[in-house]
Protein backbone atom coordinates (compact mmCIF):
# COMPACT_ATOMS: atom_id res chain seq x y z
CA MET A 1 -50.39 54.15 -38.00
CA ILE A 2 -48.49 51.59 -36.89
CA SER A 3 -44.94 51.42 -37.81
CA LEU A 4 -42.98 48.10 -39.06
CA PHE A 5 -40.65 48.78 -36.26
CA GLU A 6 -43.22 48.47 -33.98
CA LEU A 7 -44.72 45.58 -34.94
CA PHE A 8 -41.11 43.90 -35.71
CA LYS A 9 -39.25 45.03 -32.39
CA ILE A 10 -35.95 43.20 -31.63
CA GLY A 11 -36.13 41.22 -28.26
CA ILE A 12 -35.56 38.04 -26.40
CA GLY A 13 -37.68 35.30 -25.36
CA PRO A 14 -39.87 33.85 -23.96
CA SER A 15 -43.19 36.45 -24.65
CA SER A 16 -43.81 39.79 -26.10
CA SER A 17 -46.67 39.95 -23.51
CA HIS A 18 -45.34 38.62 -20.28
CA THR A 19 -41.56 39.39 -21.08
CA VAL A 20 -40.96 42.09 -23.32
CA GLY A 21 -43.94 44.69 -22.37
CA PRO A 22 -43.45 44.22 -18.81
CA MET A 23 -39.54 44.72 -19.01
CA ARG A 24 -40.26 47.99 -20.79
CA ALA A 25 -42.75 48.82 -18.19
CA ALA A 26 -40.38 48.35 -15.25
CA HIS A 27 -37.13 50.24 -17.26
CA ASP A 28 -39.84 52.95 -17.65
CA PHE A 29 -40.41 53.04 -13.87
CA ALA A 30 -37.10 53.22 -13.02
CA VAL A 31 -36.36 55.69 -14.66
CA ALA A 32 -39.04 57.81 -13.62
CA LEU A 33 -37.61 57.13 -9.99
CA ARG A 34 -35.00 59.45 -10.78
CA ALA A 35 -36.95 62.16 -9.56
CA CYS A 36 -37.90 60.94 -6.32
CA PRO A 37 -34.30 60.70 -4.13
CA ASP A 38 -36.23 59.32 -1.29
CA VAL A 39 -37.51 55.56 -2.22
CA ALA A 40 -36.11 52.93 -0.04
CA ARG A 41 -38.77 50.04 -1.39
CA ILE A 42 -40.15 48.65 -4.84
CA GLU A 43 -43.31 46.54 -5.00
CA VAL A 44 -44.14 44.90 -8.34
CA THR A 45 -47.45 43.26 -8.48
CA LEU A 46 -48.25 41.15 -11.37
CA LEU A 47 -52.30 40.84 -12.13
CA GLY A 48 -54.51 38.50 -14.25
CA SER A 49 -52.76 35.99 -17.24
CA LEU A 50 -49.33 37.86 -15.55
CA ALA A 51 -50.07 36.52 -12.62
CA TRP A 52 -51.01 33.06 -13.61
CA THR A 53 -48.43 32.30 -16.20
CA GLY A 54 -45.83 34.74 -15.49
CA VAL A 55 -43.17 31.84 -13.64
CA GLY A 56 -43.14 30.09 -17.06
CA HIS A 57 -43.16 33.14 -18.94
CA ALA A 58 -40.06 34.60 -17.14
CA THR A 59 -42.03 37.86 -16.51
CA ASP A 60 -40.60 38.10 -12.77
CA LYS A 61 -37.07 37.99 -14.43
CA ALA A 62 -38.34 40.22 -17.48
CA VAL A 63 -38.92 43.20 -14.62
CA ILE A 64 -35.97 42.81 -12.30
CA LEU A 65 -33.91 43.22 -15.72
CA GLY A 66 -36.40 46.34 -16.30
CA LEU A 67 -35.67 47.71 -13.21
CA MET A 68 -31.98 47.46 -13.15
CA GLY A 69 -32.21 49.62 -16.59
CA TYR A 70 -32.09 47.10 -18.98
CA LEU A 71 -34.27 47.19 -22.41
CA PRO A 72 -35.48 44.15 -24.33
CA ASP A 73 -33.54 44.88 -27.67
CA THR A 74 -30.05 45.67 -25.89
CA VAL A 75 -29.82 42.99 -22.89
CA ASP A 76 -27.05 40.30 -23.62
CA PRO A 77 -29.77 37.08 -23.25
CA ASP A 78 -26.61 34.76 -22.70
CA MET A 79 -26.12 37.31 -19.22
CA ALA A 80 -29.81 38.04 -18.08
CA ASP A 81 -29.99 34.43 -16.05
CA GLU A 82 -26.58 35.28 -14.04
CA LEU A 83 -27.96 38.84 -13.40
CA VAL A 84 -31.37 37.24 -12.53
CA ALA A 85 -29.48 35.27 -10.21
CA HIS A 86 -27.47 37.94 -8.13
CA VAL A 87 -30.75 39.80 -7.23
CA ARG A 88 -31.90 36.65 -6.18
CA ALA A 89 -29.06 35.55 -4.12
CA ALA A 90 -28.26 39.57 -2.61
CA HIS A 91 -31.37 40.44 -1.96
CA ARG A 92 -30.16 43.58 -3.61
CA LEU A 93 -31.20 45.51 -6.71
CA SER A 94 -28.95 48.20 -8.88
CA LEU A 95 -31.23 50.48 -10.47
CA PRO A 96 -29.60 52.90 -12.91
CA ASP A 97 -28.74 56.02 -10.26
CA ARG A 98 -28.90 53.81 -6.93
CA THR A 99 -28.97 50.42 -4.99
CA LEU A 100 -32.06 49.20 -2.92
CA SER A 101 -33.16 46.51 -1.39
CA PHE A 102 -34.96 43.89 -2.87
CA ASP A 103 -35.75 40.10 -2.35
CA PRO A 104 -37.73 39.14 -5.07
CA ALA A 105 -39.60 36.20 -3.11
CA SER A 106 -41.30 39.41 -1.55
CA ASP A 107 -41.29 42.22 -3.61
CA ILE A 108 -42.71 40.57 -6.98
CA ILE A 109 -46.00 39.62 -6.37
CA PHE A 110 -48.28 37.11 -8.33
CA ASP A 111 -51.29 38.17 -7.32
CA ARG A 112 -54.33 35.51 -9.00
CA VAL A 113 -57.34 36.64 -7.11
CA THR A 114 -57.74 39.98 -8.11
CA VAL A 115 -59.31 40.75 -11.35
CA PRO A 116 -57.81 43.23 -13.35
CA PRO A 117 -60.50 45.88 -14.34
CA VAL A 118 -58.71 46.68 -18.52
CA HIS A 119 -56.86 44.49 -19.20
CA PRO A 120 -55.68 40.59 -18.44
CA ASN A 121 -51.83 41.65 -18.52
CA THR A 122 -51.31 44.35 -16.04
CA VAL A 123 -48.24 45.13 -14.00
CA GLN A 124 -48.25 47.53 -10.67
CA PHE A 125 -45.53 49.26 -9.63
CA ILE A 126 -45.06 51.05 -6.40
CA ALA A 127 -42.24 53.08 -4.70
CA TYR A 128 -42.39 53.42 -0.64
CA ASN A 129 -39.61 55.50 1.27
CA ALA A 130 -38.28 54.45 4.30
CA ALA A 131 -41.44 55.21 6.32
CA GLY A 132 -43.15 52.95 4.51
CA GLU A 133 -45.33 55.92 2.30
CA GLN A 134 -45.89 55.19 -1.04
CA VAL A 135 -44.08 57.88 -3.48
CA ALA A 136 -44.62 56.35 -6.77
CA CYS A 137 -46.95 54.09 -8.71
CA GLN A 138 -47.82 53.17 -12.14
CA ARG A 139 -50.31 50.67 -13.17
CA ILE A 140 -49.34 49.50 -17.32
CA CYS A 141 -50.76 47.05 -19.76
CA SER A 142 -48.99 44.93 -21.76
CA ILE A 143 -51.69 44.87 -24.78
CA GLY A 144 -49.75 42.06 -26.58
CA GLY A 145 -46.64 42.85 -29.55
CA GLY A 146 -44.17 44.02 -26.30
CA PHE A 147 -46.89 46.90 -27.11
CA ILE A 148 -47.17 48.70 -23.46
CA VAL A 149 -49.28 51.64 -22.21
CA ALA A 150 -50.61 53.14 -18.82
CA GLU A 151 -53.79 51.66 -17.78
CA ALA A 152 -56.08 54.81 -17.61
CA HIS A 153 -55.05 54.91 -21.30
CA ALA A 154 -55.55 51.75 -22.17
CA HIS A 155 -58.72 51.60 -24.19
CA ASP A 156 -56.85 54.25 -26.55
CA ALA A 157 -53.44 52.67 -27.10
CA VAL A 158 -53.34 52.87 -30.55
CA VAL A 159 -52.57 56.72 -31.95
CA ALA A 160 -50.95 58.20 -34.69
CA THR A 161 -47.35 59.39 -34.12
CA ALA A 162 -47.03 61.06 -37.18
CA ASP A 163 -48.83 62.83 -39.83
CA VAL A 164 -48.60 60.30 -42.74
CA PRO A 165 -49.69 60.21 -46.02
CA PHE A 166 -52.21 57.38 -45.81
CA GLU A 167 -53.99 56.47 -42.65
CA ILE A 168 -54.91 52.72 -42.85
CA THR A 169 -57.75 51.90 -40.63
CA SER A 170 -59.30 49.28 -42.61
CA ALA A 171 -58.39 46.77 -45.31
CA ARG A 172 -61.37 48.23 -47.40
CA ASP A 173 -58.72 51.69 -46.84
CA LEU A 174 -56.00 50.55 -48.14
CA LEU A 175 -57.71 48.00 -50.86
CA GLU A 176 -58.78 51.82 -51.96
CA ILE A 177 -55.49 53.78 -51.47
CA THR A 178 -54.09 51.14 -54.01
CA ARG A 179 -56.78 51.84 -56.88
CA ARG A 180 -56.16 55.35 -55.87
CA THR A 181 -52.83 55.76 -55.92
CA GLY A 182 -51.48 53.13 -58.12
CA LEU A 183 -49.13 52.19 -55.55
CA THR A 184 -48.45 48.90 -54.11
CA ILE A 185 -49.45 47.91 -50.31
CA ALA A 186 -45.15 47.78 -49.56
CA GLU A 187 -45.30 50.96 -51.45
CA ILE A 188 -47.97 52.85 -49.20
CA VAL A 189 -46.66 51.54 -46.05
CA LEU A 190 -42.95 52.70 -46.72
CA ALA A 191 -44.48 55.91 -47.46
CA ASN A 192 -45.17 56.54 -44.11
CA GLU A 193 -42.44 55.38 -42.88
CA ARG A 194 -40.86 57.83 -44.45
CA ALA A 195 -43.36 60.17 -42.73
CA LEU A 196 -41.64 59.13 -39.21
CA ARG A 197 -37.73 58.84 -40.01
CA PRO A 198 -34.89 58.93 -42.61
CA GLU A 199 -34.86 56.82 -45.16
CA HIS A 200 -31.48 55.72 -44.06
CA GLU A 201 -32.74 54.50 -40.95
CA ILE A 202 -35.75 52.59 -42.28
CA THR A 203 -33.21 50.69 -44.62
CA ALA A 204 -31.09 49.71 -42.19
CA GLY A 205 -34.16 49.17 -39.28
CA ILE A 206 -35.35 46.47 -41.96
CA ASP A 207 -31.94 45.27 -42.46
CA ARG A 208 -31.53 44.16 -38.88
CA ILE A 209 -34.84 43.04 -38.38
CA ILE A 210 -33.85 40.41 -40.94
CA ALA A 211 -30.84 39.75 -39.63
CA THR A 212 -31.78 39.13 -36.50
CA MET A 213 -34.25 37.07 -38.18
CA MET A 214 -32.38 34.64 -40.17
CA GLY A 215 -29.13 34.75 -36.98
CA CYS A 216 -32.47 33.44 -34.97
CA VAL A 217 -32.93 30.72 -37.42
CA ASP A 218 -29.41 29.81 -37.74
CA ARG A 219 -28.69 29.20 -34.17
CA GLY A 220 -31.79 27.16 -33.30
CA MET A 221 -31.10 24.61 -35.90
CA HIS A 222 -27.43 24.39 -34.53
CA GLN A 223 -28.67 24.40 -30.22
CA GLN A 224 -29.25 21.19 -28.11
CA GLY A 225 -30.54 20.22 -24.83
CA VAL A 226 -33.14 20.67 -23.05
CA LEU A 227 -35.26 23.64 -22.79
CA PRO A 228 -36.06 25.83 -19.35
CA GLY A 229 -39.02 24.58 -16.92
CA ARG A 230 -40.18 22.01 -15.17
CA LEU A 231 -41.24 20.03 -18.63
CA ALA A 232 -37.60 19.32 -19.37
CA VAL A 233 -38.76 19.79 -23.15
CA ARG A 234 -35.30 18.26 -25.38
CA ARG A 235 -34.81 20.75 -28.33
CA ARG A 236 -35.73 18.85 -31.51
CA ALA A 237 -34.81 21.49 -34.31
CA ALA A 238 -30.71 20.15 -34.82
CA ALA A 239 -31.77 16.88 -35.25
CA ILE A 240 -34.28 17.99 -37.82
CA TYR A 241 -31.73 19.71 -39.51
CA ASP A 242 -29.53 17.04 -39.50
CA ARG A 243 -31.81 14.52 -40.69
CA LEU A 244 -33.06 17.20 -43.20
CA LYS A 245 -29.16 17.45 -44.57
CA GLY A 246 -28.45 14.14 -44.74
CA ASP A 247 -31.60 13.34 -47.02
CA ARG A 248 -30.06 15.60 -49.59
CA PHE A 249 -27.83 12.97 -50.81
CA ARG A 250 -30.95 10.28 -51.46
CA ASN A 251 -31.80 9.70 -54.99
CA VAL A 252 -35.29 9.83 -54.10
CA ARG A 253 -37.46 12.41 -52.28
CA ALA A 254 -40.84 13.43 -51.04
CA ALA A 255 -42.14 16.50 -52.90
CA HIS A 256 -43.30 17.31 -49.37
CA GLU A 257 -39.73 17.99 -48.14
CA VAL A 258 -39.63 21.95 -48.40
CA MET A 259 -42.61 21.59 -45.81
CA ASP A 260 -40.53 19.85 -43.08
CA TRP A 261 -37.50 22.64 -44.08
CA VAL A 262 -40.52 25.43 -43.21
CA SER A 263 -41.19 23.56 -40.21
CA LEU A 264 -37.67 23.23 -39.18
CA TYR A 265 -36.93 26.81 -39.49
CA ALA A 266 -40.53 27.86 -36.90
CA ILE A 267 -39.20 25.34 -34.43
CA ALA A 268 -35.95 26.78 -34.46
CA VAL A 269 -36.99 30.12 -33.50
CA ASN A 270 -39.28 28.96 -31.18
CA GLU A 271 -37.12 27.09 -29.61
CA GLU A 272 -34.93 29.94 -29.46
CA ASN A 273 -37.44 32.20 -27.71
CA ALA A 274 -38.17 29.03 -25.50
CA ALA A 275 -34.80 29.31 -24.00
CA GLY A 276 -35.03 33.34 -24.21
CA GLY A 277 -32.77 34.20 -27.17
CA ARG A 278 -32.44 37.36 -29.37
CA ILE A 279 -35.65 37.17 -31.31
CA VAL A 280 -38.23 39.67 -33.25
CA THR A 281 -41.49 39.82 -32.28
CA ALA A 282 -43.55 38.91 -35.53
CA PRO A 283 -46.06 39.97 -34.30
CA THR A 284 -45.45 38.09 -30.58
CA ASN A 285 -42.77 36.33 -28.97
CA GLY A 286 -45.38 33.24 -28.78
CA ALA A 287 -45.68 33.59 -32.66
CA ALA A 288 -42.07 34.60 -33.24
CA GLY A 289 -41.96 31.70 -35.86
CA VAL A 290 -43.81 31.95 -38.64
CA VAL A 291 -43.01 35.52 -40.21
CA PRO A 292 -39.26 34.63 -40.39
CA ALA A 293 -39.46 30.66 -41.73
CA VAL A 294 -42.22 31.72 -44.49
CA LEU A 295 -39.36 34.42 -45.29
CA ARG A 296 -36.62 31.78 -45.31
CA TYR A 297 -38.94 30.06 -47.45
CA TYR A 298 -38.88 32.60 -49.69
CA ARG A 299 -35.23 33.39 -49.36
CA ASP A 300 -34.30 29.81 -49.85
CA PHE A 301 -37.00 28.09 -51.93
CA CYS A 302 -38.65 30.86 -54.44
CA PRO A 303 -36.68 31.66 -57.98
CA GLY A 304 -36.03 34.95 -57.70
CA ALA A 305 -35.86 36.08 -54.81
CA THR A 306 -34.60 39.66 -54.07
CA PRO A 307 -33.33 40.90 -51.01
CA GLU A 308 -36.02 44.44 -52.30
CA ARG A 309 -38.43 41.68 -52.51
CA GLU A 310 -38.18 40.66 -48.66
CA TYR A 311 -38.61 44.24 -47.95
CA ASP A 312 -41.69 43.97 -49.32
CA PHE A 313 -42.48 41.15 -47.94
CA LEU A 314 -42.11 42.54 -44.65
CA LEU A 315 -43.83 45.95 -45.11
CA THR A 316 -46.51 44.13 -46.75
CA ALA A 317 -47.16 42.19 -43.83
CA THR A 318 -46.75 45.03 -41.44
CA ALA A 319 -49.71 47.06 -43.23
CA VAL A 320 -51.79 43.53 -42.15
CA GLY A 321 -50.43 42.96 -38.77
CA GLY A 322 -51.61 46.89 -38.10
CA LEU A 323 -54.86 46.41 -39.15
CA PHE A 324 -55.14 42.99 -36.38
CA LYS A 325 -53.60 45.31 -34.13
CA ARG A 326 -55.67 48.42 -34.13
CA ASN A 327 -59.57 46.64 -34.58
CA ALA A 328 -58.91 43.59 -32.78
CA SER A 329 -55.95 42.33 -30.90
CA ILE A 330 -52.44 40.55 -30.96
CA SER A 331 -52.73 39.76 -27.45
CA GLY A 332 -53.29 35.94 -26.65
CA ALA A 333 -54.47 36.84 -22.92
CA GLU A 334 -57.21 38.57 -25.05
CA VAL A 335 -58.31 36.96 -27.77
CA GLY A 336 -56.34 33.52 -27.04
CA CYS A 337 -54.15 32.13 -29.85
CA GLN A 338 -55.47 33.13 -32.93
CA GLY A 339 -54.28 36.64 -32.28
CA GLU A 340 -50.90 35.56 -32.17
CA VAL A 341 -50.27 32.38 -34.40
CA GLY A 342 -53.24 33.38 -36.61
CA VAL A 343 -52.01 36.81 -36.76
CA ALA A 344 -48.82 35.83 -37.33
CA CYS A 345 -50.14 33.47 -40.30
CA SER A 346 -52.05 36.01 -41.98
CA MET A 347 -49.18 38.55 -42.07
CA ALA A 348 -46.99 36.00 -43.50
CA ALA A 349 -48.75 34.72 -45.85
CA ALA A 350 -49.58 38.55 -47.39
CA GLY A 351 -46.17 38.57 -47.42
CA LEU A 352 -45.26 36.15 -49.40
CA ALA A 353 -48.17 36.80 -52.11
CA ALA A 354 -46.51 40.48 -52.12
CA ALA A 355 -42.95 39.05 -52.50
CA LEU A 356 -44.23 36.52 -55.20
CA GLY A 357 -45.93 39.33 -56.91
CA GLY A 358 -49.02 38.68 -56.50
CA ASN A 359 -51.89 41.51 -57.07
CA VAL A 360 -53.84 43.82 -53.77
CA GLN A 361 -56.38 41.72 -54.47
CA GLN A 362 -54.61 38.39 -53.94
CA ILE A 363 -52.58 39.57 -51.13
CA GLU A 364 -55.49 40.73 -49.09
CA ASN A 365 -57.31 37.50 -49.95
CA ALA A 366 -54.39 35.42 -48.28
CA ALA A 367 -54.05 37.23 -45.25
CA GLU A 368 -57.65 36.80 -45.14
CA ILE A 369 -57.37 32.78 -45.37
CA GLY A 370 -54.38 32.61 -42.98
CA MET A 371 -56.49 33.76 -40.27
CA GLU A 372 -60.05 32.57 -41.18
CA HIS A 373 -58.53 28.82 -40.47
CA HIS A 374 -57.20 29.97 -37.30
CA LEU A 375 -60.40 31.42 -35.88
CA GLY A 376 -61.22 30.29 -32.59
CA MET A 377 -57.60 28.71 -32.10
CA THR A 378 -56.91 28.89 -27.94
CA CYS A 379 -54.07 30.12 -25.85
CA ASP A 380 -52.97 26.88 -23.57
CA PRO A 381 -49.83 26.23 -22.77
CA VAL A 382 -48.83 23.55 -20.68
CA GLY A 383 -47.07 24.56 -17.47
CA GLY A 384 -47.55 28.21 -18.63
CA LEU A 385 -44.40 27.47 -20.53
CA VAL A 386 -44.47 28.82 -24.34
CA GLN A 387 -43.14 25.55 -25.14
CA ILE A 388 -45.97 23.22 -25.54
CA PRO A 389 -48.38 23.25 -27.83
CA CYS A 390 -46.47 26.61 -28.56
CA ILE A 391 -43.65 25.13 -30.77
CA GLU A 392 -45.68 23.31 -32.83
CA ARG A 393 -47.96 25.90 -33.61
CA ASN A 394 -45.68 28.03 -35.57
CA ALA A 395 -44.35 25.33 -37.67
CA PHE A 396 -48.15 25.14 -38.56
CA GLY A 397 -48.63 28.60 -38.46
CA ALA A 398 -45.98 28.87 -41.09
CA VAL A 399 -47.12 26.03 -43.19
CA LYS A 400 -50.42 27.15 -43.37
CA ALA A 401 -49.14 31.00 -44.68
CA ILE A 402 -47.65 29.21 -47.21
CA ASN A 403 -50.92 27.51 -48.29
CA ALA A 404 -52.96 30.46 -47.85
CA ALA A 405 -50.35 32.69 -50.23
CA SER A 406 -50.22 29.96 -52.85
CA LEU A 407 -54.04 29.02 -52.65
CA ALA A 408 -54.88 33.15 -52.88
CA MET A 409 -51.79 33.06 -55.71
CA ARG A 410 -54.09 30.76 -58.05
CA GLY A 411 -57.12 32.48 -57.73
CA ASP A 412 -57.88 35.96 -59.57
CA GLY A 413 -58.98 37.64 -55.84
CA THR A 414 -61.95 37.13 -55.93
CA HIS A 415 -63.09 35.85 -52.36
CA PHE A 416 -66.14 35.87 -50.45
CA VAL A 417 -65.19 36.63 -46.99
CA SER A 418 -63.54 39.88 -46.80
CA LEU A 419 -60.25 40.58 -44.60
CA ASP A 420 -62.06 42.91 -42.75
CA GLN A 421 -65.48 40.87 -42.17
CA VAL A 422 -62.44 38.28 -40.18
CA ILE A 423 -60.83 40.69 -38.90
CA VAL A 424 -64.14 41.55 -36.63
CA THR A 425 -65.04 37.45 -36.16
CA MET A 426 -61.41 37.03 -35.03
CA ARG A 427 -61.81 39.23 -32.22
CA GLU A 428 -66.12 38.54 -31.26
CA THR A 429 -64.51 35.20 -31.13
CA GLY A 430 -61.90 36.28 -28.48
CA ALA A 431 -64.51 38.26 -26.58
CA ASP A 432 -67.03 35.50 -26.40
CA MET A 433 -63.78 32.29 -25.38
CA SER A 434 -63.72 31.53 -21.91
CA SER A 435 -60.80 33.48 -19.78
CA ARG A 436 -59.48 29.28 -19.13
CA TYR A 437 -58.26 29.04 -22.71
CA LYS A 438 -56.21 33.34 -22.68
CA GLU A 439 -53.22 32.37 -21.83
CA THR A 440 -53.92 31.83 -17.95
CA SER A 441 -53.28 27.99 -17.70
CA GLN A 442 -56.86 27.00 -16.42
CA GLY A 443 -57.82 24.77 -19.66
CA GLY A 444 -57.30 23.42 -22.56
CA LEU A 445 -53.92 21.32 -23.20
CA ALA A 446 -53.13 23.19 -20.12
CA VAL A 447 -54.59 20.96 -17.87
CA GLY A 448 -55.17 18.30 -19.98
CA PHE A 449 -51.67 17.17 -19.99
CA PRO A 450 -50.52 14.57 -17.81
CA GLU A 451 -47.01 15.89 -16.64
CA CYS A 452 -44.95 13.53 -15.14
């Protein structure tokens, strides 16, 4: 059982695997150090993809914030840079229960030589006493979507957190449960959520997630300026928004204009993510714009849209995202961007089909179409930043999700390739993909782009 609140985590940008996960890991290590009174120094080593693109993904910043006791869902993103700048200037780190000497330039190591044995996103924390002896050590894998697990247990990351009425291990199982019970996919997921927490917590939690998503869209449509990093990418969402608002008064408008709004919503979210703003992993930060953009499309452009159907959207998307998480991966460092934007597209397509009243076969078909046409997508961020091509990829993922849902709804649910088959294919494609194209910025656009 993978909960809605595990797939949709409120956090900060720019990356769920490189920012949210390492921050949570550092926080947990700092908490564990409360049992070690003689700590004098902490050394953090970033391995694999975390080392190769950690600077552009603000992994060092995330680690510092986590060690200071902050968490992604509660830290004030507008204060984060100031907090980290103080540590860098003072060479002092305030843990929740003590203050230590800490120089990020030497105490955070980007190890681009050692190959992590278990997962490409691995971070090691070591604490030493005044005599230089090791007193604590943790190796944590950030396995995508903000999920973290001890390196020793990384292969067993998906575990049952509680007894739930419906165990969903495959799309085939899910379809069989709907046939046997007469429940919708959303109702099945909701029944499982009720086994984990009270109804009022579920409602409040979903409301908070939707509000954060929509708030991110709105904020992103009004922010201007240049995104962090050496590429000096200028925000575009505000200018696009102004042009679209101006076009409302034209007598003749193109029918495809609605897709420009969808692209705007996704770009707005991912510009906020790139700037380190408050976002929702959906299921990752790099793909955080797809689900909110399609959900906003449903709210703003689909006749008869209701809040209850928005719940159905996210609950259904959870079932699909959980299948990818359980049976493949949602980590760009593990399977490329097909595991991020591709999975987000599949989730959004299924969610939209459910919100529009599609039957379970049509919903499964929409999810399958959404991934089928992202197979093989590489993760090759220019400069190690979640900006080029990541921001635009979310816009295209959102448009593809709407197209996938529309195609599925025009049919009767009959299709040749099943969702389970496309999940297996995605996993195998990711395994075959060179590490150069899996969030290391060593191939693809990351090396073919002439930086000026």
